Amino acid sequence: MRGLGDLESVIMERLWSYRRPAPVRDVLEDLRAEREIAYTTVMTVMDKLHTKGLLRRRMVGRAYVYETVASREAYVADLMRDALASGGNRTATLVHFLERLTPEESAALDAALRVCPLG
């Protein structure tokens, strides 16, 4: 699982916020409220996100409609697993991670473990 570039991140955030499939044109119009950007740029980035497996698409008329493959939370969880796997000693990496949790993050971890107990 790879991290995302700046425009990829913006586009994924938009698609996650829509909670529905969207054509390139919808994303383009949304982005143009904040910046000048070409249709072909948005189309190319969405195609790359599809190639990376983060978006699925289907043809509707003459245009593709895109939707996210997974939720934002599932994507971030995959990034966290990748980071843990690349850390060398998983136990040491987890210990360092746990030592740095804020009280709010610790409470969220406790709540998550009640929902999904380990072992």
PDB file of N, CA and C in Angstrom:
ATOM      1  N   MET A   1       0.853  -1.181   0.000  1.00  0.00           N
ATOM      2  CA  MET A   1       0.000   0.000   0.000  1.00  0.00           C
ATOM      3  C   MET A   1       0.888   1.229   0.000  1.00  0.00           C
ATOM      4  N   ARG A   2       0.682   2.080  -0.926  1.00  0.00           N
ATOM      5  CA  ARG A   2       1.508   3.288  -1.016  1.00  0.00           C
ATOM      6  C   ARG A   2       0.750   4.482  -0.476  1.00  0.00           C
ATOM      7  N   GLY A   3       1.541   5.475  -0.046  1.00  0.00           N
ATOM      8  CA  GLY A   3       0.943   6.750   0.327  1.00  0.00           C
ATOM      9  C   GLY A   3       0.447   7.453  -0.928  1.00  0.00           C
ATOM     10  N   LEU A   4      -0.248   8.519  -0.728  1.00  0.00           N
ATOM     11  CA  LEU A   4      -0.831   9.258  -1.842  1.00  0.00           C
ATOM     12  C   LEU A   4      -0.115  10.583  -2.040  1.00  0.00           C
ATOM     13  N   GLY A   5      -0.070  11.035  -3.295  1.00  0.00           N
ATOM     14  CA  GLY A   5       0.432  12.364  -3.594  1.00  0.00           C
ATOM     15  C   GLY A   5      -0.601  13.399  -3.173  1.00  0.00           C
ATOM     16  N   ASP A   6      -0.236  14.673  -3.278  1.00  0.00           N
ATOM     17  CA  ASP A   6      -1.127  15.748  -2.820  1.00  0.00           C
ATOM     18  C   ASP A   6      -2.476  15.732  -3.531  1.00  0.00           C
ATOM     19  N   LEU A   7      -2.473  15.728  -4.862  1.00  0.00           N
ATOM     20  CA  LEU A   7      -3.733  15.757  -5.596  1.00  0.00           C
ATOM     21  C   LEU A   7      -4.498  14.451  -5.427  1.00  0.00           C
ATOM     22  N   GLU A   8      -3.781  13.331  -5.363  1.00  0.00           N
ATOM     23  CA  GLU A   8      -4.446  12.053  -5.104  1.00  0.00           C
ATOM     24  C   GLU A   8      -5.182  12.107  -3.764  1.00  0.00           C
ATOM     25  N   SER A   9      -4.533  12.649  -2.752  1.00  0.00           N
ATOM     26  CA  SER A   9      -5.153  12.759  -1.427  1.00  0.00           C
ATOM     27  C   SER A   9      -6.400  13.622  -1.462  1.00  0.00           C
ATOM     28  N   VAL A  10      -6.320  14.746  -2.152  1.00  0.00           N
ATOM     29  CA  VAL A  10      -7.465  15.651  -2.247  1.00  0.00           C
ATOM     30  C   VAL A  10      -8.633  14.952  -2.938  1.00  0.00           C
ATOM     31  N   ILE A  11      -8.342  14.263  -4.022  1.00  0.00           N
ATOM     32  CA  ILE A  11      -9.405  13.581  -4.770  1.00  0.00           C
ATOM     33  C   ILE A  11     -10.012  12.456  -3.938  1.00  0.00           C
ATOM     34  N   MET A  12      -9.174  11.675  -3.257  1.00  0.00           N
ATOM     35  CA  MET A  12      -9.712  10.617  -2.404  1.00  0.00           C
ATOM     36  C   MET A  12     -10.570  11.201  -1.286  1.00  0.00           C
ATOM     37  N   GLU A  13     -10.121  12.288  -0.674  1.00  0.00           N
ATOM     38  CA  GLU A  13     -10.918  12.923   0.380  1.00  0.00           C
ATOM     39  C   GLU A  13     -12.280  13.345  -0.152  1.00  0.00           C
ATOM     40  N   ARG A  14     -12.298  13.917  -1.358  1.00  0.00           N
ATOM     41  CA  ARG A  14     -13.579  14.324  -1.950  1.00  0.00           C
ATOM     42  C   ARG A  14     -14.478  13.124  -2.169  1.00  0.00           C
ATOM     43  N   LEU A  15     -13.926  12.067  -2.752  1.00  0.00           N
ATOM     44  CA  LEU A  15     -14.752  10.890  -3.024  1.00  0.00           C
ATOM     45  C   LEU A  15     -15.249  10.247  -1.729  1.00  0.00           C
ATOM     46  N   TRP A  16     -14.407  10.193  -0.704  1.00  0.00           N
ATOM     47  CA  TRP A  16     -14.876   9.664   0.579  1.00  0.00           C
ATOM     48  C   TRP A  16     -15.995  10.535   1.141  1.00  0.00           C
ATOM     49  N   SER A  17     -15.896  11.841   0.974  1.00  0.00           N
ATOM     50  CA  SER A  17     -16.917  12.735   1.518  1.00  0.00           C
ATOM     51  C   SER A  17     -18.251  12.615   0.773  1.00  0.00           C
ATOM     52  N   TYR A  18     -18.204  12.291  -0.512  1.00  0.00           N
ATOM     53  CA  TYR A  18     -19.447  12.165  -1.296  1.00  0.00           C
ATOM     54  C   TYR A  18     -20.284  10.978  -0.839  1.00  0.00           C
ATOM     55  N   ARG A  19     -19.614   9.895  -0.447  1.00  0.00           N
ATOM     56  CA  ARG A  19     -20.311   8.663  -0.062  1.00  0.00           C
ATOM     57  C   ARG A  19     -21.205   8.142  -1.175  1.00  0.00           C
ATOM     58  N   ARG A  20     -20.778   8.372  -2.403  1.00  0.00           N
ATOM     59  CA  ARG A  20     -21.506   7.892  -3.580  1.00  0.00           C
ATOM     60  C   ARG A  20     -20.540   7.876  -4.757  1.00  0.00           C
ATOM     61  N   PRO A  21     -20.845   7.095  -5.769  1.00  0.00           N
ATOM     62  CA  PRO A  21     -20.020   7.147  -6.981  1.00  0.00           C
ATOM     63  C   PRO A  21     -20.125   8.524  -7.633  1.00  0.00           C
ATOM     64  N   ALA A  22     -19.051   8.946  -8.299  1.00  0.00           N
ATOM     65  CA  ALA A  22     -19.037  10.266  -8.936  1.00  0.00           C
ATOM     66  C   ALA A  22     -18.208  10.233 -10.217  1.00  0.00           C
ATOM     67  N   PRO A  23     -18.673  10.955 -11.222  1.00  0.00           N
ATOM     68  CA  PRO A  23     -17.875  11.081 -12.445  1.00  0.00           C
ATOM     69  C   PRO A  23     -16.765  12.117 -12.254  1.00  0.00           C
ATOM     70  N   VAL A  24     -15.799  12.096 -13.151  1.00  0.00           N
ATOM     71  CA  VAL A  24     -14.693  13.054 -13.114  1.00  0.00           C
ATOM     72  C   VAL A  24     -15.237  14.475 -13.074  1.00  0.00           C
ATOM     73  N   ARG A  25     -16.266  14.752 -13.834  1.00  0.00           N
ATOM     74  CA  ARG A  25     -16.821  16.106 -13.931  1.00  0.00           C
ATOM     75  C   ARG A  25     -17.242  16.639 -12.564  1.00  0.00           C
ATOM     76  N   ASP A  26     -17.867  15.815 -11.723  1.00  0.00           N
ATOM     77  CA  ASP A  26     -18.279  16.261 -10.380  1.00  0.00           C
ATOM     78  C   ASP A  26     -17.068  16.631  -9.522  1.00  0.00           C
ATOM     79  N   VAL A  27     -16.049  15.788  -9.576  1.00  0.00           N
ATOM     80  CA  VAL A  27     -14.837  16.052  -8.799  1.00  0.00           C
ATOM     81  C   VAL A  27     -14.166  17.327  -9.318  1.00  0.00           C
ATOM     82  N   LEU A  28     -14.107  17.466 -10.630  1.00  0.00           N
ATOM     83  CA  LEU A  28     -13.516  18.655 -11.248  1.00  0.00           C
ATOM     84  C   LEU A  28     -14.218  19.926 -10.778  1.00  0.00           C
ATOM     85  N   GLU A  29     -15.530  19.949 -10.845  1.00  0.00           N
ATOM     86  CA  GLU A  29     -16.282  21.140 -10.444  1.00  0.00           C
ATOM     87  C   GLU A  29     -16.049  21.464  -8.968  1.00  0.00           C
ATOM     88  N   ASP A  30     -15.976  20.434  -8.148  1.00  0.00           N
ATOM     89  CA  ASP A  30     -15.714  20.621  -6.728  1.00  0.00           C
ATOM     90  C   ASP A  30     -14.323  21.229  -6.519  1.00  0.00           C
ATOM     91  N   LEU A  31     -13.320  20.692  -7.209  1.00  0.00           N
ATOM     92  CA  LEU A  31     -11.951  21.194  -7.062  1.00  0.00           C
ATOM     93  C   LEU A  31     -11.802  22.608  -7.614  1.00  0.00           C
ATOM     94  N   ARG A  32     -12.530  22.917  -8.674  1.00  0.00           N
ATOM     95  CA  ARG A  32     -12.419  24.250  -9.281  1.00  0.00           C
ATOM     96  C   ARG A  32     -12.937  25.357  -8.370  1.00  0.00           C
ATOM     97  N   ALA A  33     -13.655  25.012  -7.335  1.00  0.00           N
ATOM     98  CA  ALA A  33     -14.087  26.020  -6.359  1.00  0.00           C
ATOM     99  C   ALA A  33     -12.889  26.553  -5.578  1.00  0.00           C
ATOM    100  N   GLU A  34     -11.791  25.784  -5.565  1.00  0.00           N
ATOM    101  CA  GLU A  34     -10.614  26.157  -4.790  1.00  0.00           C
ATOM    102  C   GLU A  34      -9.373  26.439  -5.626  1.00  0.00           C
ATOM    103  N   ARG A  35      -9.327  25.923  -6.858  1.00  0.00           N
ATOM    104  CA  ARG A  35      -8.109  26.046  -7.667  1.00  0.00           C
ATOM    105  C   ARG A  35      -8.422  25.897  -9.139  1.00  0.00           C
ATOM    106  N   GLU A  36      -7.502  26.385  -9.971  1.00  0.00           N
ATOM    107  CA  GLU A  36      -7.583  26.155 -11.404  1.00  0.00           C
ATOM    108  C   GLU A  36      -7.022  24.775 -11.680  1.00  0.00           C
ATOM    109  N   ILE A  37      -7.788  23.956 -12.354  1.00  0.00           N
ATOM    110  CA  ILE A  37      -7.333  22.604 -12.656  1.00  0.00           C
ATOM    111  C   ILE A  37      -8.033  22.115 -13.912  1.00  0.00           C
ATOM    112  N   ALA A  38      -7.311  21.357 -14.716  1.00  0.00           N
ATOM    113  CA  ALA A  38      -7.847  20.869 -15.985  1.00  0.00           C
ATOM    114  C   ALA A  38      -8.585  19.545 -15.804  1.00  0.00           C
ATOM    115  N   TYR A  39      -9.586  19.345 -16.637  1.00  0.00           N
ATOM    116  CA  TYR A  39     -10.337  18.091 -16.642  1.00  0.00           C
ATOM    117  C   TYR A  39      -9.391  16.908 -16.822  1.00  0.00           C
ATOM    118  N   THR A  40      -8.469  17.025 -17.771  1.00  0.00           N
ATOM    119  CA  THR A  40      -7.561  15.908 -18.060  1.00  0.00           C
ATOM    120  C   THR A  40      -6.661  15.577 -16.867  1.00  0.00           C
ATOM    121  N   THR A  41      -6.319  16.569 -16.067  1.00  0.00           N
ATOM    122  CA  THR A  41      -5.503  16.323 -14.876  1.00  0.00           C
ATOM    123  C   THR A  41      -6.277  15.475 -13.873  1.00  0.00           C
ATOM    124  N   VAL A  42      -7.517  15.864 -13.614  1.00  0.00           N
ATOM    125  CA  VAL A  42      -8.351  15.117 -12.663  1.00  0.00           C
ATOM    126  C   VAL A  42      -8.608  13.712 -13.198  1.00  0.00           C
ATOM    127  N   MET A  43      -8.906  13.605 -14.494  1.00  0.00           N
ATOM    128  CA  MET A  43      -9.163  12.305 -15.113  1.00  0.00           C
ATOM    129  C   MET A  43      -7.941  11.385 -14.992  1.00  0.00           C
ATOM    130  N   THR A  44      -6.759  11.938 -15.253  1.00  0.00           N
ATOM    131  CA  THR A  44      -5.526  11.145 -15.169  1.00  0.00           C
ATOM    132  C   THR A  44      -5.268  10.666 -13.753  1.00  0.00           C
ATOM    133  N   VAL A  45      -5.452  11.535 -12.774  1.00  0.00           N
ATOM    134  CA  VAL A  45      -5.208  11.150 -11.376  1.00  0.00           C
ATOM    135  C   VAL A  45      -6.230  10.096 -10.932  1.00  0.00           C
ATOM    136  N   MET A  46      -7.479  10.255 -11.326  1.00  0.00           N
ATOM    137  CA  MET A  46      -8.486   9.264 -10.956  1.00  0.00           C
ATOM    138  C   MET A  46      -8.200   7.920 -11.631  1.00  0.00           C
ATOM    139  N   ASP A  47      -7.704   7.958 -12.860  1.00  0.00           N
ATOM    140  CA  ASP A  47      -7.317   6.720 -13.534  1.00  0.00           C
ATOM    141  C   ASP A  47      -6.156   6.051 -12.790  1.00  0.00           C
ATOM    142  N   LYS A  48      -5.190   6.838 -12.338  1.00  0.00           N
ATOM    143  CA  LYS A  48      -4.067   6.280 -11.572  1.00  0.00           C
ATOM    144  C   LYS A  48      -4.544   5.674 -10.254  1.00  0.00           C
ATOM    145  N   LEU A  49      -5.482   6.335  -9.590  1.00  0.00           N
ATOM    146  CA  LEU A  49      -6.039   5.790  -8.349  1.00  0.00           C
ATOM    147  C   LEU A  49      -6.769   4.478  -8.617  1.00  0.00           C
ATOM    148  N   HIS A  50      -7.417   4.385  -9.774  1.00  0.00           N
ATOM    149  CA  HIS A  50      -8.059   3.130 -10.184  1.00  0.00           C
ATOM    150  C   HIS A  50      -6.997   2.050 -10.399  1.00  0.00           C
ATOM    151  N   THR A  51      -5.924   2.401 -11.089  1.00  0.00           N
ATOM    152  CA  THR A  51      -4.832   1.457 -11.345  1.00  0.00           C
ATOM    153  C   THR A  51      -4.199   0.981 -10.042  1.00  0.00           C
ATOM    154  N   LYS A  52      -4.099   1.867  -9.057  1.00  0.00           N
ATOM    155  CA  LYS A  52      -3.543   1.509  -7.743  1.00  0.00           C
ATOM    156  C   LYS A  52      -4.500   0.654  -6.915  1.00  0.00           C
ATOM    157  N   GLY A  53      -5.733   0.501  -7.374  1.00  0.00           N
ATOM    158  CA  GLY A  53      -6.711  -0.309  -6.661  1.00  0.00           C
ATOM    159  C   GLY A  53      -7.486   0.430  -5.595  1.00  0.00           C
ATOM    160  N   LEU A  54      -7.389   1.765  -5.590  1.00  0.00           N
ATOM    161  CA  LEU A  54      -8.099   2.551  -4.581  1.00  0.00           C
ATOM    162  C   LEU A  54      -9.490   2.986  -5.033  1.00  0.00           C
ATOM    163  N   LEU A  55      -9.699   3.024  -6.343  1.00  0.00           N
ATOM    164  CA  LEU A  55     -11.008   3.369  -6.903  1.00  0.00           C
ATOM    165  C   LEU A  55     -11.456   2.254  -7.836  1.00  0.00           C
ATOM    166  N   ARG A  56     -12.757   2.042  -7.876  1.00  0.00           N
ATOM    167  CA  ARG A  56     -13.326   1.174  -8.916  1.00  0.00           C
ATOM    168  C   ARG A  56     -14.150   2.078  -9.814  1.00  0.00           C
ATOM    169  N   ARG A  57     -14.349   1.637 -11.028  1.00  0.00           N
ATOM    170  CA  ARG A  57     -15.095   2.475 -11.959  1.00  0.00           C
ATOM    171  C   ARG A  57     -15.989   1.612 -12.835  1.00  0.00           C
ATOM    172  N   ARG A  58     -17.024   2.262 -13.346  1.00  0.00           N
ATOM    173  CA  ARG A  58     -17.907   1.615 -14.309  1.00  0.00           C
ATOM    174  C   ARG A  58     -18.338   2.664 -15.319  1.00  0.00           C
ATOM    175  N   MET A  59     -18.582   2.209 -16.508  1.00  0.00           N
ATOM    176  CA  MET A  59     -18.967   3.112 -17.586  1.00  0.00           C
ATOM    177  C   MET A  59     -20.455   3.427 -17.452  1.00  0.00           C
ATOM    178  N   VAL A  60     -20.771   4.696 -17.454  1.00  0.00           N
ATOM    179  CA  VAL A  60     -22.157   5.164 -17.460  1.00  0.00           C
ATOM    180  C   VAL A  60     -22.259   6.127 -18.634  1.00  0.00           C
ATOM    181  N   GLY A  61     -22.969   5.714 -19.658  1.00  0.00           N
ATOM    182  CA  GLY A  61     -22.988   6.519 -20.882  1.00  0.00           C
ATOM    183  C   GLY A  61     -21.608   6.494 -21.514  1.00  0.00           C
ATOM    184  N   ARG A  62     -21.028   7.672 -21.676  1.00  0.00           N
ATOM    185  CA  ARG A  62     -19.697   7.759 -22.283  1.00  0.00           C
ATOM    186  C   ARG A  62     -18.608   8.114 -21.279  1.00  0.00           C
ATOM    187  N   ALA A  63     -18.946   8.112 -20.008  1.00  0.00           N
ATOM    188  CA  ALA A  63     -17.965   8.504 -18.982  1.00  0.00           C
ATOM    189  C   ALA A  63     -17.917   7.468 -17.858  1.00  0.00           C
ATOM    190  N   TYR A  64     -16.752   7.372 -17.237  1.00  0.00           N
ATOM    191  CA  TYR A  64     -16.620   6.518 -16.064  1.00  0.00           C
ATOM    192  C   TYR A  64     -17.173   7.215 -14.837  1.00  0.00           C
ATOM    193  N   VAL A  65     -17.755   6.408 -13.966  1.00  0.00           N
ATOM    194  CA  VAL A  65     -18.169   6.849 -12.639  1.00  0.00           C
ATOM    195  C   VAL A  65     -17.291   6.084 -11.658  1.00  0.00           C
ATOM    196  N   TYR A  66     -16.672   6.821 -10.739  1.00  0.00           N
ATOM    197  CA  TYR A  66     -15.705   6.243  -9.803  1.00  0.00           C
ATOM    198  C   TYR A  66     -16.271   6.207  -8.394  1.00  0.00           C
ATOM    199  N   GLU A  67     -15.824   5.199  -7.643  1.00  0.00           N
ATOM    200  CA  GLU A  67     -16.131   5.144  -6.214  1.00  0.00           C
ATOM    201  C   GLU A  67     -14.958   4.518  -5.487  1.00  0.00           C
ATOM    202  N   THR A  68     -14.851   4.829  -4.211  1.00  0.00           N
ATOM    203  CA  THR A  68     -13.739   4.296  -3.426  1.00  0.00           C
ATOM    204  C   THR A  68     -13.955   2.801  -3.192  1.00  0.00           C
ATOM    205  N   VAL A  69     -12.855   2.083  -3.137  1.00  0.00           N
ATOM    206  CA  VAL A  69     -12.896   0.646  -2.879  1.00  0.00           C
ATOM    207  C   VAL A  69     -13.087   0.388  -1.385  1.00  0.00           C
ATOM    208  N   ALA A  70     -12.485   1.224  -0.566  1.00  0.00           N
ATOM    209  CA  ALA A  70     -12.553   1.051   0.886  1.00  0.00           C
ATOM    210  C   ALA A  70     -12.802   2.404   1.545  1.00  0.00           C
ATOM    211  N   SER A  71     -13.211   2.361   2.777  1.00  0.00           N
ATOM    212  CA  SER A  71     -13.416   3.596   3.541  1.00  0.00           C
ATOM    213  C   SER A  71     -12.074   4.250   3.840  1.00  0.00           C
ATOM    214  N   ARG A  72     -12.118   5.509   4.229  1.00  0.00           N
ATOM    215  CA  ARG A  72     -10.910   6.232   4.650  1.00  0.00           C
ATOM    216  C   ARG A  72     -10.238   5.485   5.812  1.00  0.00           C
ATOM    217  N   GLU A  73     -11.035   5.025   6.748  1.00  0.00           N
ATOM    218  CA  GLU A  73     -10.496   4.338   7.919  1.00  0.00           C
ATOM    219  C   GLU A  73      -9.800   3.030   7.528  1.00  0.00           C
ATOM    220  N   ALA A  74     -10.384   2.279   6.598  1.00  0.00           N
ATOM    221  CA  ALA A  74      -9.746   1.036   6.143  1.00  0.00           C
ATOM    222  C   ALA A  74      -8.443   1.331   5.411  1.00  0.00           C
ATOM    223  N   TYR A  75      -8.429   2.387   4.612  1.00  0.00           N
ATOM    224  CA  TYR A  75      -7.197   2.780   3.913  1.00  0.00           C
ATOM    225  C   TYR A  75      -6.099   3.136   4.916  1.00  0.00           C
ATOM    226  N   VAL A  76      -6.436   3.932   5.917  1.00  0.00           N
ATOM    227  CA  VAL A  76      -5.450   4.332   6.918  1.00  0.00           C
ATOM    228  C   VAL A  76      -4.976   3.110   7.712  1.00  0.00           C
ATOM    229  N   ALA A  77      -5.888   2.187   8.009  1.00  0.00           N
ATOM    230  CA  ALA A  77      -5.493   0.965   8.720  1.00  0.00           C
ATOM    231  C   ALA A  77      -4.472   0.173   7.901  1.00  0.00           C
ATOM    232  N   ASP A  78      -4.662   0.113   6.583  1.00  0.00           N
ATOM    233  CA  ASP A  78      -3.690  -0.565   5.725  1.00  0.00           C
ATOM    234  C   ASP A  78      -2.339   0.149   5.747  1.00  0.00           C
ATOM    235  N   LEU A  79      -2.362   1.481   5.747  1.00  0.00           N
ATOM    236  CA  LEU A  79      -1.106   2.233   5.852  1.00  0.00           C
ATOM    237  C   LEU A  79      -0.398   1.929   7.169  1.00  0.00           C
ATOM    238  N   MET A  80      -1.171   1.837   8.241  1.00  0.00           N
ATOM    239  CA  MET A  80      -0.594   1.545   9.551  1.00  0.00           C
ATOM    240  C   MET A  80       0.037   0.149   9.561  1.00  0.00           C
ATOM    241  N   ARG A  81      -0.630  -0.823   8.953  1.00  0.00           N
ATOM    242  CA  ARG A  81      -0.055  -2.181   8.873  1.00  0.00           C
ATOM    243  C   ARG A  81       1.220  -2.176   8.056  1.00  0.00           C
ATOM    244  N   ASP A  82       1.234  -1.435   6.951  1.00  0.00           N
ATOM    245  CA  ASP A  82       2.441  -1.345   6.129  1.00  0.00           C
ATOM    246  C   ASP A  82       3.583  -0.710   6.909  1.00  0.00           C
ATOM    247  N   ALA A  83       3.266   0.337   7.668  1.00  0.00           N
ATOM    248  CA  ALA A  83       4.299   0.990   8.477  1.00  0.00           C
ATOM    249  C   ALA A  83       4.833   0.033   9.531  1.00  0.00           C
ATOM    250  N   LEU A  84       3.957  -0.710  10.166  1.00  0.00           N
ATOM    251  CA  LEU A  84       4.383  -1.675  11.172  1.00  0.00           C
ATOM    252  C   LEU A  84       5.277  -2.744  10.546  1.00  0.00           C
ATOM    253  N   ALA A  85       4.900  -3.219   9.365  1.00  0.00           N
ATOM    254  CA  ALA A  85       5.689  -4.254   8.685  1.00  0.00           C
ATOM    255  C   ALA A  85       7.066  -3.746   8.284  1.00  0.00           C
ATOM    256  N   SER A  86       7.178  -2.457   8.011  1.00  0.00           N
ATOM    257  CA  SER A  86       8.469  -1.905   7.564  1.00  0.00           C
ATOM    258  C   SER A  86       9.346  -1.466   8.730  1.00  0.00           C
ATOM    259  N   GLY A  87       8.852  -1.577   9.939  1.00  0.00           N
ATOM    260  CA  GLY A  87       9.580  -1.093  11.107  1.00  0.00           C
ATOM    261  C   GLY A  87      10.658  -2.016  11.638  1.00  0.00           C
ATOM    262  N   GLY A  88      10.845  -3.157  11.005  1.00  0.00           N
ATOM    263  CA  GLY A  88      11.852  -4.095  11.506  1.00  0.00           C
ATOM    264  C   GLY A  88      11.286  -4.941  12.624  1.00  0.00           C
ATOM    265  N   ASN A  89      11.633  -4.643  13.850  1.00  0.00           N
ATOM    266  CA  ASN A  89      11.163  -5.369  15.022  1.00  0.00           C
ATOM    267  C   ASN A  89       9.747  -4.880  15.356  1.00  0.00           C
ATOM    268  N   ARG A  90       8.764  -5.710  15.044  1.00  0.00           N
ATOM    269  CA  ARG A  90       7.362  -5.293  15.251  1.00  0.00           C
ATOM    270  C   ARG A  90       7.043  -5.002  16.712  1.00  0.00           C
ATOM    271  N   THR A  91       7.567  -5.815  17.606  1.00  0.00           N
ATOM    272  CA  THR A  91       7.291  -5.599  19.028  1.00  0.00           C
ATOM    273  C   THR A  91       7.846  -4.253  19.479  1.00  0.00           C
ATOM    274  N   ALA A  92       9.083  -3.965  19.131  1.00  0.00           N
ATOM    275  CA  ALA A  92       9.692  -2.688  19.517  1.00  0.00           C
ATOM    276  C   ALA A  92       8.949  -1.524  18.877  1.00  0.00           C
ATOM    277  N   THR A  93       8.563  -1.694  17.632  1.00  0.00           N
ATOM    278  CA  THR A  93       7.817  -0.636  16.942  1.00  0.00           C
ATOM    279  C   THR A  93       6.501  -0.363  17.654  1.00  0.00           C
ATOM    280  N   LEU A  94       5.776  -1.419  18.020  1.00  0.00           N
ATOM    281  CA  LEU A  94       4.507  -1.250  18.734  1.00  0.00           C
ATOM    282  C   LEU A  94       4.711  -0.598  20.095  1.00  0.00           C
ATOM    283  N   VAL A  95       5.755  -0.986  20.801  1.00  0.00           N
ATOM    284  CA  VAL A  95       6.033  -0.385  22.110  1.00  0.00           C
ATOM    285  C   VAL A  95       6.278   1.109  21.954  1.00  0.00           C
ATOM    286  N   HIS A  96       7.083   1.486  20.976  1.00  0.00           N
ATOM    287  CA  HIS A  96       7.348   2.915  20.747  1.00  0.00           C
ATOM    288  C   HIS A  96       6.062   3.651  20.374  1.00  0.00           C
ATOM    289  N   PHE A  97       5.225   3.011  19.577  1.00  0.00           N
ATOM    290  CA  PHE A  97       3.947   3.617  19.197  1.00  0.00           C
ATOM    291  C   PHE A  97       3.068   3.826  20.429  1.00  0.00           C
ATOM    292  N   LEU A  98       2.937   2.789  21.246  1.00  0.00           N
ATOM    293  CA  LEU A  98       2.085   2.867  22.433  1.00  0.00           C
ATOM    294  C   LEU A  98       2.588   3.894  23.434  1.00  0.00           C
ATOM    295  N   GLU A  99       3.899   4.023  23.557  1.00  0.00           N
ATOM    296  CA  GLU A  99       4.468   5.014  24.479  1.00  0.00           C
ATOM    297  C   GLU A  99       4.106   6.446  24.076  1.00  0.00           C
ATOM    298  N   ARG A 100       3.824   6.654  22.818  1.00  0.00           N
ATOM    299  CA  ARG A 100       3.568   7.999  22.308  1.00  0.00           C
ATOM    300  C   ARG A 100       2.076   8.350  22.223  1.00  0.00           C
ATOM    301  N   LEU A 101       1.192   7.438  22.612  1.00  0.00           N
ATOM    302  CA  LEU A 101      -0.238   7.706  22.533  1.00  0.00           C
ATOM    303  C   LEU A 101      -0.646   8.811  23.508  1.00  0.00           C
ATOM    304  N   THR A 102      -1.503   9.687  23.032  1.00  0.00           N
ATOM    305  CA  THR A 102      -2.098  10.684  23.916  1.00  0.00           C
ATOM    306  C   THR A 102      -3.190   9.990  24.738  1.00  0.00           C
ATOM    307  N   PRO A 103      -3.676  10.619  25.799  1.00  0.00           N
ATOM    308  CA  PRO A 103      -4.779  10.012  26.555  1.00  0.00           C
ATOM    309  C   PRO A 103      -6.004   9.735  25.672  1.00  0.00           C
ATOM    310  N   GLU A 104      -6.296  10.621  24.731  1.00  0.00           N
ATOM    311  CA  GLU A 104      -7.433  10.414  23.833  1.00  0.00           C
ATOM    312  C   GLU A 104      -7.202   9.216  22.922  1.00  0.00           C
ATOM    313  N   GLU A 105      -5.977   9.090  22.412  1.00  0.00           N
ATOM    314  CA  GLU A 105      -5.651   7.958  21.546  1.00  0.00           C
ATOM    315  C   GLU A 105      -5.672   6.649  22.333  1.00  0.00           C
ATOM    316  N   SER A 106      -5.208   6.696  23.564  1.00  0.00           N
ATOM    317  CA  SER A 106      -5.241   5.515  24.428  1.00  0.00           C
ATOM    318  C   SER A 106      -6.681   5.080  24.696  1.00  0.00           C
ATOM    319  N   ALA A 107      -7.553   6.040  24.941  1.00  0.00           N
ATOM    320  CA  ALA A 107      -8.972   5.731  25.154  1.00  0.00           C
ATOM    321  C   ALA A 107      -9.592   5.133  23.884  1.00  0.00           C
ATOM    322  N   ALA A 108      -9.211   5.660  22.718  1.00  0.00           N
ATOM    323  CA  ALA A 108      -9.708   5.113  21.449  1.00  0.00           C
ATOM    324  C   ALA A 108      -9.214   3.682  21.256  1.00  0.00           C
ATOM    325  N   LEU A 109      -7.966   3.418  21.625  1.00  0.00           N
ATOM    326  CA  LEU A 109      -7.418   2.053  21.529  1.00  0.00           C
ATOM    327  C   LEU A 109      -8.181   1.120  22.467  1.00  0.00           C
ATOM    328  N   ASP A 110      -8.427   1.542  23.693  1.00  0.00           N
ATOM    329  CA  ASP A 110      -9.185   0.725  24.633  1.00  0.00           C
ATOM    330  C   ASP A 110     -10.572   0.410  24.077  1.00  0.00           C
ATOM    331  N   ALA A 111     -11.244   1.416  23.515  1.00  0.00           N
ATOM    332  CA  ALA A 111     -12.579   1.210  22.935  1.00  0.00           C
ATOM    333  C   ALA A 111     -12.516   0.238  21.753  1.00  0.00           C
ATOM    334  N   ALA A 112     -11.501   0.383  20.925  1.00  0.00           N
ATOM    335  CA  ALA A 112     -11.340  -0.506  19.765  1.00  0.00           C
ATOM    336  C   ALA A 112     -11.109  -1.947  20.223  1.00  0.00           C
ATOM    337  N   LEU A 113     -10.319  -2.139  21.273  1.00  0.00           N
ATOM    338  CA  LEU A 113     -10.053  -3.485  21.772  1.00  0.00           C
ATOM    339  C   LEU A 113     -11.293  -4.118  22.397  1.00  0.00           C
ATOM    340  N   ARG A 114     -12.208  -3.300  22.902  1.00  0.00           N
ATOM    341  CA  ARG A 114     -13.471  -3.848  23.417  1.00  0.00           C
ATOM    342  C   ARG A 114     -14.358  -4.323  22.262  1.00  0.00           C
ATOM    343  N   VAL A 115     -14.287  -3.626  21.135  1.00  0.00           N
ATOM    344  CA  VAL A 115     -15.069  -3.995  19.947  1.00  0.00           C
ATOM    345  C   VAL A 115     -14.464  -5.221  19.278  1.00  0.00           C
ATOM    346  N   CYS A 116     -13.136  -5.242  19.202  1.00  0.00           N
ATOM    347  CA  CYS A 116     -12.424  -6.284  18.482  1.00  0.00           C
ATOM    348  C   CYS A 116     -11.300  -6.815  19.368  1.00  0.00           C
ATOM    349  N   PRO A 117     -11.649  -7.687  20.331  1.00  0.00           N
ATOM    350  CA  PRO A 117     -10.610  -8.173  21.244  1.00  0.00           C
ATOM    351  C   PRO A 117      -9.562  -9.006  20.514  1.00  0.00           C
ATOM    352  N   LEU A 118      -8.336  -8.917  21.005  1.00  0.00           N
ATOM    353  CA  LEU A 118      -7.228  -9.679  20.406  1.00  0.00           C
ATOM    354  C   LEU A 118      -7.135 -11.045  21.067  1.00  0.00           C
ATOM    355  N   GLY A 119      -6.659 -12.005  20.270  1.00  0.00           N
ATOM    356  CA  GLY A 119      -6.366 -13.341  20.784  1.00  0.00           C
ATOM    357  C   GLY A 119      -7.543 -14.027  21.266  1.00  0.00           C
TER     358      GLY A 119
END
